[in-house]
Amino acid sequence: MDNTTVIDAFAALSQSTRLETFRLLVRHEPEGLPAGEIARLLEVPHNTLSTHLGVLSRAGLVVARRHSRSMIYRANLERMRETLSFLVRDCCAGSPELCEPLRQELRPCDPTIEADPS
């Protein structure tokens, strides 16, 4: 991951419909949603949504697969993880305890991390 890739991801997410689309797809992992259902839920015309999905796809934030006559879109959680990791790679200047609040914030969405017993 490099600066250009991260900038492309943030540029893709810097428009409200694209941000809403990505967040909707994150909520529907791992099944994903057909393009028509995304358009209906977000109340966006199909052709407009198609343009936004193209931008998100080029940034690597969504992936699509054909299912019969529909395209099913999913959030690319690996790209999201890479982006977040890039942002915090040098976090806390070698003092990992300073990053603990950030780690705690991300725990609810990571089933591989045990819940904090306190």
Protein backbone atom coordinates (compact mmCIF):
# COMPACT_ATOMS: atom_id res chain seq x y z
CA MET A 1 0.00 0.00 0.00
CA ASP A 2 1.29 3.45 -0.86
CA ASN A 3 0.16 7.07 -0.60
CA THR A 4 -1.46 7.07 -4.05
CA THR A 5 -3.56 3.99 -3.30
CA VAL A 6 -4.76 5.43 0.01
CA ILE A 7 -5.53 8.79 -1.61
CA ASP A 8 -7.56 6.99 -4.29
CA ALA A 9 -9.55 5.17 -1.58
CA PHE A 10 -10.27 8.39 0.31
CA ALA A 11 -11.15 10.21 -2.92
CA ALA A 12 -13.66 7.47 -3.72
CA LEU A 13 -15.20 7.74 -0.26
CA SER A 14 -15.26 11.55 -0.24
CA GLN A 15 -18.67 11.70 -1.94
CA SER A 16 -21.78 11.05 0.17
CA THR A 17 -23.48 8.45 -2.05
CA ARG A 18 -20.28 6.45 -2.40
CA LEU A 19 -19.64 6.61 1.33
CA GLU A 20 -23.22 5.48 2.04
CA THR A 21 -22.85 2.68 -0.52
CA PHE A 22 -19.64 1.41 1.03
CA ARG A 23 -21.07 1.52 4.56
CA LEU A 24 -24.21 -0.29 3.36
CA LEU A 25 -22.10 -3.01 1.79
CA VAL A 26 -20.02 -3.37 4.96
CA ARG A 27 -23.26 -3.96 6.88
CA HIS A 28 -24.24 -6.69 4.41
CA GLU A 29 -21.04 -8.69 4.53
CA PRO A 30 -20.40 -11.40 3.54
CA GLU A 31 -23.47 -11.84 1.32
CA GLY A 32 -23.32 -8.50 -0.47
CA LEU A 33 -26.19 -6.87 -2.31
CA PRO A 34 -27.42 -6.72 -5.90
CA ALA A 35 -26.93 -3.34 -7.56
CA GLY A 36 -30.69 -2.83 -7.86
CA GLU A 37 -31.19 -3.38 -4.14
CA ILE A 38 -28.42 -0.90 -3.31
CA ALA A 39 -30.09 1.67 -5.56
CA ARG A 40 -33.47 1.03 -3.92
CA LEU A 41 -32.15 1.22 -0.35
CA LEU A 42 -30.22 4.42 -1.01
CA GLU A 43 -32.93 5.89 -3.23
CA VAL A 44 -30.44 6.53 -6.02
CA PRO A 45 -31.17 6.15 -9.76
CA HIS A 46 -29.61 2.97 -11.19
CA ASN A 47 -27.40 4.79 -13.70
CA THR A 48 -26.10 7.13 -11.00
CA LEU A 49 -25.34 4.21 -8.70
CA SER A 50 -23.55 2.42 -11.52
CA THR A 51 -21.17 5.37 -11.84
CA HIS A 52 -20.52 5.42 -8.09
CA LEU A 53 -19.94 1.65 -7.96
CA GLY A 54 -17.42 2.06 -10.78
CA VAL A 55 -15.47 4.65 -8.78
CA LEU A 56 -15.49 2.43 -5.67
CA SER A 57 -14.47 -0.58 -7.73
CA ARG A 58 -11.53 1.23 -9.38
CA ALA A 59 -10.36 2.26 -5.90
CA GLY A 60 -10.50 -1.40 -4.87
CA LEU A 61 -13.13 -0.81 -2.20
CA VAL A 62 -15.86 -2.97 -3.71
CA VAL A 63 -15.85 -6.20 -5.67
CA ALA A 64 -18.60 -7.61 -7.86
CA ARG A 65 -19.62 -11.07 -8.97
CA ARG A 66 -22.27 -12.10 -11.42
CA HIS A 67 -25.18 -14.11 -10.04
CA SER A 68 -27.56 -15.06 -12.82
CA ARG A 69 -28.55 -11.71 -14.36
CA SER A 70 -27.54 -9.61 -11.35
CA MET A 71 -24.27 -8.17 -10.19
CA ILE A 72 -23.72 -8.74 -6.48
CA TYR A 73 -21.49 -6.14 -4.84
CA ARG A 74 -19.48 -6.63 -1.67
CA ALA A 75 -17.22 -4.38 0.35
CA ASN A 76 -13.57 -5.31 -0.05
CA LEU A 77 -12.78 -5.66 3.64
CA GLU A 78 -9.19 -6.59 2.92
CA ARG A 79 -8.64 -3.25 1.14
CA MET A 80 -10.31 -1.48 4.07
CA ARG A 81 -7.97 -3.30 6.47
CA GLU A 82 -4.93 -2.40 4.37
CA THR A 83 -5.98 1.24 4.30
CA LEU A 84 -6.52 1.40 8.06
CA SER A 85 -3.23 -0.38 8.67
CA PHE A 86 -1.42 2.07 6.41
CA LEU A 87 -2.85 4.98 8.38
CA VAL A 88 -1.72 3.66 11.76
CA ARG A 89 1.44 1.81 10.71
CA ASP A 90 3.72 4.26 12.53
CA CYS A 91 1.29 4.92 15.34
CA CYS A 92 2.49 6.08 18.69
CA ALA A 93 6.23 6.25 17.96
CA GLY A 94 6.98 2.84 19.42
CA SER A 95 4.59 3.14 22.38
CA PRO A 96 1.83 0.67 21.47
CA GLU A 97 -0.09 1.32 24.68
CA LEU A 98 -0.98 4.75 23.27
CA CYS A 99 -2.80 3.02 20.40
CA GLU A 100 -4.94 0.90 22.72
CA PRO A 101 -8.01 3.17 22.43
CA LEU A 102 -7.90 2.72 18.65
CA ARG A 103 -7.57 -1.05 19.01
CA GLN A 104 -10.52 -1.11 21.40
CA GLU A 105 -12.60 0.89 18.94
CA LEU A 106 -11.95 -1.68 16.20
CA ARG A 107 -12.61 -4.75 18.37
CA PRO A 108 -16.36 -5.01 17.85
CA CYS A 109 -15.88 -5.70 14.15
CA ASP A 110 -13.03 -8.20 14.49
CA PRO A 111 -14.23 -11.65 15.59
CA THR A 112 -10.63 -12.88 15.87
CA ILE A 113 -9.99 -10.57 18.83
CA GLU A 114 -11.40 -11.69 22.15
CA ALA A 115 -13.77 -9.27 23.81
CA ASP A 116 -12.40 -7.26 26.70
CA PRO A 117 -13.67 -8.97 29.87
CA SER A 118 -13.85 -5.69 31.84
